[in-house]
Amino acid sequence: MLQISRELVDAMVAHARTDHPDEACGVIAGAEGSDVPSRFIPMINAERSPTFYRFDSGEQLRVWRAMERADEEPVVIYHSHTATEAYPSRTDVSYAAEPQAHYVLISTRDPDHAEVRSYRIVDGVVTEEQVQIDGAAAPDAVGSGAAESSE
C-alpha cells in the first residue's frame, strides 16, 4: 500500500494538469529504505508527447545524484496519461527500473476528475496497490491490489 500526503497527491495532479495535453512526469523522494514519500521533484518530459514520457537524461542524472547525496531514493515515480486510464502501458512496464518504487499514474482524460492509481512493477509483473492519503482511503484513488501479468 502507498501511504502519501494529500499535499503530494495534489502536487502530482497539478503537475499533470499543467503539462496536459502532454504527459507529465517526476519523482517523489524519501529517506533511503523508509518507503515514505516526502520530497516532490517534478521533471521534464523530454519527449513533450501526449502519449509517451521519458525523463531528460541529464536531469535524471542530477536528480538521482542529489537523492544519493541526501540518502534518499525514489519512493514514487509518477507520470500522467492524458487520454487513457491510469494503468501502465507496455512501454511503462518495460522502462520500470526501480523495483522498490511505487509507480503512480494520473489520468487527466477527464477535466473534472483525476484518476490516481499506484502500482508495483517488478520483473514485468504489474501489481496494483491501494493508495492511502492522509491516513484515509482516497476517494479519487482506485486500487484493488490485484496482480496482473503484463504482456
N, C-alpha and C. Protein backbone atom coordinates (compact mmCIF):
# COMPACT_ATOMS: atom_id res chain seq x y z
N MET A 1 0.84 -1.17 0.00
CA MET A 1 0.00 0.00 0.00
C MET A 1 0.89 1.24 0.00
N LEU A 2 0.49 2.23 -0.80
CA LEU A 2 1.18 3.50 -0.82
C LEU A 2 0.50 4.44 0.17
N GLN A 3 1.25 4.94 1.13
CA GLN A 3 0.76 5.96 2.07
C GLN A 3 1.41 7.27 1.67
N ILE A 4 0.59 8.28 1.42
CA ILE A 4 1.08 9.54 0.88
C ILE A 4 0.22 10.70 1.36
N SER A 5 0.81 11.86 1.49
CA SER A 5 0.06 13.03 1.96
C SER A 5 -0.81 13.59 0.84
N ARG A 6 -1.88 14.23 1.24
CA ARG A 6 -2.78 14.91 0.29
C ARG A 6 -1.98 15.97 -0.49
N GLU A 7 -1.06 16.67 0.19
CA GLU A 7 -0.25 17.71 -0.44
C GLU A 7 0.55 17.14 -1.62
N LEU A 8 1.15 15.96 -1.45
CA LEU A 8 1.93 15.36 -2.52
C LEU A 8 1.04 14.87 -3.67
N VAL A 9 -0.11 14.31 -3.35
CA VAL A 9 -1.05 13.90 -4.40
C VAL A 9 -1.51 15.11 -5.18
N ASP A 10 -1.87 16.18 -4.47
CA ASP A 10 -2.30 17.41 -5.14
C ASP A 10 -1.20 17.98 -6.03
N ALA A 11 0.06 17.88 -5.60
CA ALA A 11 1.18 18.37 -6.40
C ALA A 11 1.33 17.56 -7.69
N MET A 12 1.19 16.23 -7.60
CA MET A 12 1.28 15.41 -8.80
C MET A 12 0.15 15.73 -9.78
N VAL A 13 -1.07 15.86 -9.25
CA VAL A 13 -2.23 16.16 -10.10
C VAL A 13 -2.06 17.53 -10.73
N ALA A 14 -1.61 18.52 -9.96
CA ALA A 14 -1.40 19.87 -10.51
C ALA A 14 -0.36 19.85 -11.62
N HIS A 15 0.73 19.11 -11.42
CA HIS A 15 1.75 18.99 -12.46
C HIS A 15 1.17 18.35 -13.71
N ALA A 16 0.39 17.29 -13.53
CA ALA A 16 -0.24 16.60 -14.67
C ALA A 16 -1.19 17.53 -15.42
N ARG A 17 -1.95 18.33 -14.68
CA ARG A 17 -2.89 19.27 -15.31
C ARG A 17 -2.13 20.39 -16.04
N THR A 18 -1.05 20.86 -15.46
CA THR A 18 -0.27 21.94 -16.06
C THR A 18 0.36 21.49 -17.37
N ASP A 19 0.90 20.27 -17.41
CA ASP A 19 1.57 19.77 -18.61
C ASP A 19 0.61 19.23 -19.67
N HIS A 20 -0.65 18.98 -19.30
CA HIS A 20 -1.65 18.48 -20.24
C HIS A 20 -1.75 19.46 -21.42
N PRO A 21 -1.75 19.03 -22.66
CA PRO A 21 -2.06 17.69 -23.13
C PRO A 21 -0.86 16.75 -23.21
N ASP A 22 0.34 17.21 -22.85
CA ASP A 22 1.49 16.30 -22.82
C ASP A 22 1.51 15.55 -21.49
N GLU A 23 2.16 14.40 -21.49
CA GLU A 23 2.31 13.65 -20.25
C GLU A 23 3.31 14.37 -19.35
N ALA A 24 3.01 14.38 -18.06
CA ALA A 24 3.91 14.93 -17.05
C ALA A 24 4.62 13.77 -16.37
N CYS A 25 5.78 14.06 -15.76
CA CYS A 25 6.50 13.00 -15.06
C CYS A 25 7.35 13.59 -13.95
N GLY A 26 7.67 12.75 -12.99
CA GLY A 26 8.52 13.19 -11.90
C GLY A 26 8.72 12.10 -10.87
N VAL A 27 9.30 12.52 -9.75
CA VAL A 27 9.70 11.61 -8.69
C VAL A 27 9.30 12.23 -7.35
N ILE A 28 8.98 11.39 -6.39
CA ILE A 28 8.88 11.84 -5.01
C ILE A 28 9.89 11.02 -4.23
N ALA A 29 10.88 11.73 -3.70
CA ALA A 29 11.96 11.08 -2.97
C ALA A 29 11.57 10.89 -1.51
N GLY A 30 12.24 9.95 -0.88
CA GLY A 30 12.08 9.71 0.55
C GLY A 30 13.37 9.15 1.10
N ALA A 31 13.47 9.13 2.41
CA ALA A 31 14.67 8.60 3.05
C ALA A 31 14.91 7.18 2.59
N GLU A 32 16.16 6.85 2.35
CA GLU A 32 16.53 5.53 1.88
C GLU A 32 15.98 4.45 2.82
N GLY A 33 15.23 3.50 2.24
CA GLY A 33 14.68 2.39 3.00
C GLY A 33 13.41 2.69 3.77
N SER A 34 12.88 3.91 3.70
CA SER A 34 11.74 4.25 4.55
C SER A 34 10.38 4.01 3.91
N ASP A 35 10.28 4.06 2.57
CA ASP A 35 9.03 3.91 1.85
C ASP A 35 8.04 5.03 2.14
N VAL A 36 8.53 6.16 2.67
CA VAL A 36 7.67 7.32 2.95
C VAL A 36 8.03 8.43 1.97
N PRO A 37 7.13 8.75 1.03
CA PRO A 37 7.42 9.81 0.08
C PRO A 37 7.38 11.18 0.77
N SER A 38 8.39 12.03 0.49
CA SER A 38 8.43 13.31 1.19
C SER A 38 8.83 14.50 0.33
N ARG A 39 9.71 14.33 -0.65
CA ARG A 39 10.20 15.47 -1.42
C ARG A 39 9.77 15.36 -2.88
N PHE A 40 8.90 16.29 -3.29
CA PHE A 40 8.31 16.32 -4.63
C PHE A 40 9.32 16.90 -5.62
N ILE A 41 9.56 16.16 -6.72
CA ILE A 41 10.52 16.60 -7.73
C ILE A 41 9.87 16.48 -9.11
N PRO A 42 9.21 17.54 -9.58
CA PRO A 42 8.67 17.48 -10.94
C PRO A 42 9.82 17.50 -11.94
N MET A 43 9.67 16.73 -13.01
CA MET A 43 10.74 16.64 -14.00
C MET A 43 10.18 16.98 -15.38
N ILE A 44 11.09 17.14 -16.32
CA ILE A 44 10.72 17.49 -17.69
C ILE A 44 10.48 16.20 -18.48
N ASN A 45 9.37 16.17 -19.21
CA ASN A 45 9.15 15.08 -20.16
C ASN A 45 9.94 15.43 -21.41
N ALA A 46 11.06 14.77 -21.60
CA ALA A 46 11.94 15.06 -22.73
C ALA A 46 11.25 14.80 -24.07
N GLU A 47 10.22 13.98 -24.08
CA GLU A 47 9.51 13.67 -25.32
C GLU A 47 8.47 14.74 -25.68
N ARG A 48 8.02 15.51 -24.69
CA ARG A 48 6.97 16.51 -24.93
C ARG A 48 5.85 15.91 -25.78
N SER A 49 5.29 14.79 -25.27
CA SER A 49 4.34 13.99 -26.03
C SER A 49 3.08 13.72 -25.20
N PRO A 50 1.92 13.66 -25.85
CA PRO A 50 0.69 13.30 -25.14
C PRO A 50 0.54 11.79 -24.93
N THR A 51 1.46 10.99 -25.50
CA THR A 51 1.31 9.54 -25.40
C THR A 51 2.55 8.83 -24.85
N PHE A 52 3.60 9.57 -24.50
CA PHE A 52 4.84 8.94 -24.07
C PHE A 52 5.61 9.89 -23.19
N TYR A 53 6.31 9.35 -22.19
CA TYR A 53 7.19 10.19 -21.39
C TYR A 53 8.56 9.55 -21.28
N ARG A 54 9.54 10.40 -21.11
CA ARG A 54 10.91 9.96 -20.86
C ARG A 54 11.59 11.07 -20.08
N PHE A 55 12.22 10.71 -18.97
CA PHE A 55 13.00 11.70 -18.22
C PHE A 55 14.13 12.20 -19.10
N ASP A 56 14.43 13.48 -19.02
CA ASP A 56 15.62 14.02 -19.66
C ASP A 56 16.83 13.37 -18.97
N SER A 57 17.74 12.80 -19.74
CA SER A 57 18.83 12.01 -19.14
C SER A 57 19.73 12.86 -18.24
N GLY A 58 20.03 14.08 -18.63
CA GLY A 58 20.86 14.94 -17.79
C GLY A 58 20.17 15.31 -16.49
N GLU A 59 18.89 15.65 -16.60
CA GLU A 59 18.12 15.99 -15.40
C GLU A 59 18.00 14.77 -14.48
N GLN A 60 17.75 13.60 -15.06
CA GLN A 60 17.62 12.39 -14.26
C GLN A 60 18.92 12.10 -13.51
N LEU A 61 20.04 12.25 -14.17
CA LEU A 61 21.32 12.02 -13.52
C LEU A 61 21.51 12.98 -12.35
N ARG A 62 21.19 14.26 -12.55
CA ARG A 62 21.31 15.25 -11.46
C ARG A 62 20.38 14.91 -10.29
N VAL A 63 19.14 14.54 -10.59
CA VAL A 63 18.16 14.22 -9.55
C VAL A 63 18.60 12.98 -8.77
N TRP A 64 19.01 11.92 -9.47
CA TRP A 64 19.41 10.68 -8.79
C TRP A 64 20.68 10.92 -7.95
N ARG A 65 21.61 11.72 -8.45
CA ARG A 65 22.81 12.03 -7.66
C ARG A 65 22.46 12.84 -6.42
N ALA A 66 21.54 13.81 -6.56
CA ALA A 66 21.11 14.61 -5.40
C ALA A 66 20.42 13.72 -4.36
N MET A 67 19.59 12.77 -4.82
CA MET A 67 18.96 11.84 -3.88
C MET A 67 20.02 11.01 -3.17
N GLU A 68 21.00 10.54 -3.91
CA GLU A 68 22.05 9.73 -3.30
C GLU A 68 22.81 10.52 -2.23
N ARG A 69 23.15 11.77 -2.54
CA ARG A 69 23.86 12.61 -1.57
C ARG A 69 23.03 12.86 -0.31
N ALA A 70 21.70 12.89 -0.46
CA ALA A 70 20.80 13.16 0.66
C ALA A 70 20.32 11.87 1.33
N ASP A 71 20.92 10.73 0.97
CA ASP A 71 20.49 9.43 1.48
C ASP A 71 19.00 9.21 1.23
N GLU A 72 18.58 9.53 0.01
CA GLU A 72 17.19 9.35 -0.41
C GLU A 72 17.15 8.37 -1.57
N GLU A 73 15.94 7.93 -1.87
CA GLU A 73 15.71 7.09 -3.03
C GLU A 73 14.36 7.47 -3.64
N PRO A 74 14.10 7.06 -4.88
CA PRO A 74 12.80 7.36 -5.48
C PRO A 74 11.72 6.46 -4.89
N VAL A 75 10.90 7.02 -4.02
CA VAL A 75 9.82 6.24 -3.40
C VAL A 75 8.64 6.15 -4.36
N VAL A 76 8.37 7.26 -5.06
CA VAL A 76 7.30 7.30 -6.06
C VAL A 76 7.89 7.79 -7.37
N ILE A 77 7.58 7.10 -8.44
CA ILE A 77 7.86 7.58 -9.79
C ILE A 77 6.49 7.74 -10.43
N TYR A 78 6.21 8.96 -10.88
CA TYR A 78 4.86 9.22 -11.39
C TYR A 78 4.90 9.76 -12.81
N HIS A 79 3.80 9.53 -13.51
CA HIS A 79 3.56 10.19 -14.79
C HIS A 79 2.07 10.18 -15.07
N SER A 80 1.69 10.96 -16.06
CA SER A 80 0.27 11.06 -16.39
C SER A 80 -0.03 10.37 -17.71
N HIS A 81 -1.29 9.97 -17.83
CA HIS A 81 -1.85 9.54 -19.11
C HIS A 81 -2.92 10.55 -19.45
N THR A 82 -2.86 11.09 -20.65
CA THR A 82 -3.74 12.20 -21.00
C THR A 82 -5.06 11.77 -21.63
N ALA A 83 -5.12 10.59 -22.19
CA ALA A 83 -6.33 10.17 -22.88
C ALA A 83 -6.77 8.76 -22.52
N THR A 84 -6.07 8.11 -21.62
CA THR A 84 -6.39 6.74 -21.25
C THR A 84 -6.44 6.61 -19.74
N GLU A 85 -6.86 5.43 -19.29
CA GLU A 85 -6.93 5.19 -17.85
C GLU A 85 -5.54 5.19 -17.22
N ALA A 86 -5.51 5.30 -15.91
CA ALA A 86 -4.25 5.31 -15.16
C ALA A 86 -3.80 3.87 -14.93
N TYR A 87 -3.31 3.25 -16.01
CA TYR A 87 -2.80 1.88 -15.95
C TYR A 87 -1.52 1.84 -16.79
N PRO A 88 -0.47 1.16 -16.31
CA PRO A 88 0.79 1.16 -17.03
C PRO A 88 0.69 0.52 -18.42
N SER A 89 1.24 1.22 -19.40
CA SER A 89 1.32 0.67 -20.76
C SER A 89 2.47 -0.33 -20.83
N ARG A 90 2.58 -1.04 -21.93
CA ARG A 90 3.70 -1.96 -22.11
C ARG A 90 5.03 -1.21 -22.04
N THR A 91 5.05 -0.01 -22.61
CA THR A 91 6.28 0.79 -22.56
C THR A 91 6.59 1.19 -21.12
N ASP A 92 5.57 1.60 -20.37
CA ASP A 92 5.78 1.95 -18.95
C ASP A 92 6.40 0.77 -18.20
N VAL A 93 5.88 -0.41 -18.45
CA VAL A 93 6.37 -1.61 -17.77
C VAL A 93 7.82 -1.90 -18.18
N SER A 94 8.11 -1.75 -19.45
CA SER A 94 9.46 -2.06 -19.92
C SER A 94 10.49 -1.08 -19.37
N TYR A 95 10.08 0.15 -19.04
CA TYR A 95 11.01 1.16 -18.50
C TYR A 95 11.05 1.18 -16.98
N ALA A 96 10.26 0.38 -16.31
CA ALA A 96 10.21 0.38 -14.84
C ALA A 96 11.49 -0.26 -14.30
N ALA A 97 12.42 0.58 -13.83
CA ALA A 97 13.75 0.09 -13.42
C ALA A 97 14.00 0.20 -11.93
N GLU A 98 13.02 0.62 -11.16
CA GLU A 98 13.18 0.79 -9.71
C GLU A 98 12.20 -0.14 -9.01
N PRO A 99 12.57 -1.39 -8.73
CA PRO A 99 11.62 -2.36 -8.18
C PRO A 99 11.06 -1.98 -6.81
N GLN A 100 11.75 -1.12 -6.05
CA GLN A 100 11.25 -0.72 -4.74
C GLN A 100 10.25 0.43 -4.82
N ALA A 101 10.14 1.07 -5.99
CA ALA A 101 9.32 2.28 -6.13
C ALA A 101 7.84 1.95 -6.33
N HIS A 102 7.02 2.91 -5.93
CA HIS A 102 5.60 2.91 -6.25
C HIS A 102 5.48 3.67 -7.56
N TYR A 103 4.86 3.07 -8.56
CA TYR A 103 4.63 3.74 -9.83
C TYR A 103 3.22 4.29 -9.83
N VAL A 104 3.12 5.62 -9.75
CA VAL A 104 1.82 6.28 -9.67
C VAL A 104 1.47 6.84 -11.04
N LEU A 105 0.26 6.55 -11.48
CA LEU A 105 -0.24 7.10 -12.73
C LEU A 105 -1.44 7.98 -12.46
N ILE A 106 -1.48 9.10 -13.14
CA ILE A 106 -2.57 10.06 -13.01
C ILE A 106 -3.20 10.21 -14.39
N SER A 107 -4.48 9.90 -14.51
CA SER A 107 -5.16 10.11 -15.79
C SER A 107 -5.83 11.48 -15.76
N THR A 108 -5.53 12.29 -16.78
CA THR A 108 -6.12 13.62 -16.90
C THR A 108 -7.13 13.67 -18.05
N ARG A 109 -7.62 12.50 -18.48
CA ARG A 109 -8.55 12.48 -19.61
C ARG A 109 -9.87 13.15 -19.27
N ASP A 110 -10.27 13.13 -18.01
CA ASP A 110 -11.49 13.82 -17.56
C ASP A 110 -11.06 15.15 -16.93
N PRO A 111 -11.48 16.27 -17.50
CA PRO A 111 -11.03 17.57 -16.97
C PRO A 111 -11.54 17.86 -15.55
N ASP A 112 -12.55 17.14 -15.09
CA ASP A 112 -13.12 17.40 -13.77
C ASP A 112 -12.70 16.40 -12.70
N HIS A 113 -12.00 15.34 -13.10
CA HIS A 113 -11.64 14.29 -12.15
C HIS A 113 -10.31 13.68 -12.56
N ALA A 114 -9.37 13.65 -11.65
CA ALA A 114 -8.08 13.00 -11.92
C ALA A 114 -8.10 11.62 -11.28
N GLU A 115 -7.87 10.62 -12.09
CA GLU A 115 -7.78 9.24 -11.61
C GLU A 115 -6.34 8.99 -11.17
N VAL A 116 -6.14 8.62 -9.91
CA VAL A 116 -4.81 8.39 -9.36
C VAL A 116 -4.73 6.94 -8.89
N ARG A 117 -3.78 6.19 -9.46
CA ARG A 117 -3.61 4.79 -9.10
C ARG A 117 -2.13 4.48 -8.92
N SER A 118 -1.83 3.49 -8.09
CA SER A 118 -0.45 3.13 -7.80
C SER A 118 -0.20 1.66 -8.06
N TYR A 119 1.02 1.37 -8.51
CA TYR A 119 1.40 0.01 -8.88
C TYR A 119 2.82 -0.29 -8.40
N ARG A 120 3.08 -1.55 -8.19
CA ARG A 120 4.44 -2.05 -8.09
C ARG A 120 4.70 -2.76 -9.40
N ILE A 121 5.88 -2.53 -9.98
CA ILE A 121 6.25 -3.19 -11.23
C ILE A 121 7.61 -3.84 -11.02
N VAL A 122 7.61 -5.17 -10.98
CA VAL A 122 8.83 -5.92 -10.72
C VAL A 122 8.93 -7.04 -11.76
N ASP A 123 10.03 -7.06 -12.48
CA ASP A 123 10.28 -8.09 -13.50
C ASP A 123 9.11 -8.24 -14.47
N GLY A 124 8.54 -7.11 -14.89
CA GLY A 124 7.46 -7.12 -15.87
C GLY A 124 6.09 -7.45 -15.32
N VAL A 125 5.99 -7.69 -14.03
CA VAL A 125 4.70 -8.00 -13.41
C VAL A 125 4.14 -6.74 -12.75
N VAL A 126 2.92 -6.39 -13.10
CA VAL A 126 2.25 -5.21 -12.59
C VAL A 126 1.29 -5.62 -11.48
N THR A 127 1.45 -5.03 -10.31
CA THR A 127 0.56 -5.31 -9.19
C THR A 127 -0.02 -3.98 -8.70
N GLU A 128 -1.32 -3.84 -8.82
CA GLU A 128 -1.96 -2.61 -8.33
C GLU A 128 -2.02 -2.66 -6.82
N GLU A 129 -1.89 -1.50 -6.21
CA GLU A 129 -1.93 -1.41 -4.75
C GLU A 129 -2.87 -0.29 -4.32
N GLN A 130 -3.35 -0.40 -3.10
CA GLN A 130 -4.19 0.65 -2.55
C GLN A 130 -3.38 1.90 -2.29
N VAL A 131 -4.06 3.05 -2.33
CA VAL A 131 -3.45 4.33 -2.01
C VAL A 131 -4.16 4.87 -0.79
N GLN A 132 -3.39 5.18 0.24
CA GLN A 132 -3.95 5.78 1.45
C GLN A 132 -3.43 7.21 1.53
N ILE A 133 -4.35 8.18 1.51
CA ILE A 133 -3.98 9.59 1.55
C ILE A 133 -4.33 10.16 2.90
N ASP A 134 -3.34 10.77 3.56
CA ASP A 134 -3.54 11.40 4.87
C ASP A 134 -4.23 10.47 5.86
N GLY A 135 -3.92 9.20 5.83
CA GLY A 135 -4.46 8.25 6.79
C GLY A 135 -5.82 7.70 6.46
N ALA A 136 -6.43 8.12 5.34
CA ALA A 136 -7.74 7.60 4.95
C ALA A 136 -7.69 7.22 3.48
N ALA A 137 -8.48 6.25 3.10
CA ALA A 137 -8.54 5.86 1.69
C ALA A 137 -8.99 7.05 0.87
N ALA A 138 -8.30 7.31 -0.20
CA ALA A 138 -8.60 8.48 -1.04
C ALA A 138 -9.82 8.21 -1.90
N PRO A 139 -10.77 9.15 -1.94
CA PRO A 139 -11.94 8.95 -2.78
C PRO A 139 -11.60 8.94 -4.27
N ASP A 140 -10.52 9.63 -4.66
CA ASP A 140 -10.13 9.67 -6.07
C ASP A 140 -9.31 8.45 -6.47
N ALA A 141 -8.74 7.76 -5.51
CA ALA A 141 -7.81 6.68 -5.81
C ALA A 141 -8.55 5.37 -6.04
N VAL A 142 -8.05 4.62 -6.98
CA VAL A 142 -8.58 3.30 -7.25
C VAL A 142 -7.44 2.34 -7.04
N GLY A 143 -7.68 1.27 -6.32
CA GLY A 143 -6.61 0.29 -6.12
C GLY A 143 -7.15 -0.98 -5.55
N SER A 144 -7.12 -2.03 -6.34
CA SER A 144 -7.66 -3.30 -5.87
C SER A 144 -6.62 -4.17 -5.23
N GLY A 145 -5.36 -3.92 -5.57
CA GLY A 145 -4.29 -4.77 -5.04
C GLY A 145 -4.15 -6.07 -5.79
N ALA A 146 -4.90 -6.25 -6.86
CA ALA A 146 -4.83 -7.48 -7.64
C ALA A 146 -3.60 -7.48 -8.52
N ALA A 147 -2.99 -8.61 -8.66
CA ALA A 147 -1.81 -8.73 -9.50
C ALA A 147 -2.24 -9.08 -10.92
N GLU A 148 -1.58 -8.48 -11.88
CA GLU A 148 -1.84 -8.80 -13.27
C GLU A 148 -0.51 -8.97 -13.98
N SER A 149 -0.48 -9.86 -14.89
CA SER A 149 0.74 -10.05 -15.67
C SER A 149 0.66 -9.13 -16.88
N SER A 150 1.75 -8.48 -17.16
CA SER A 150 1.79 -7.61 -18.31
C SER A 150 2.25 -8.39 -19.52
N GLU A 151 1.84 -7.95 -20.70
CA GLU A 151 2.24 -8.63 -21.93
C GLU A 151 3.58 -8.13 -22.40
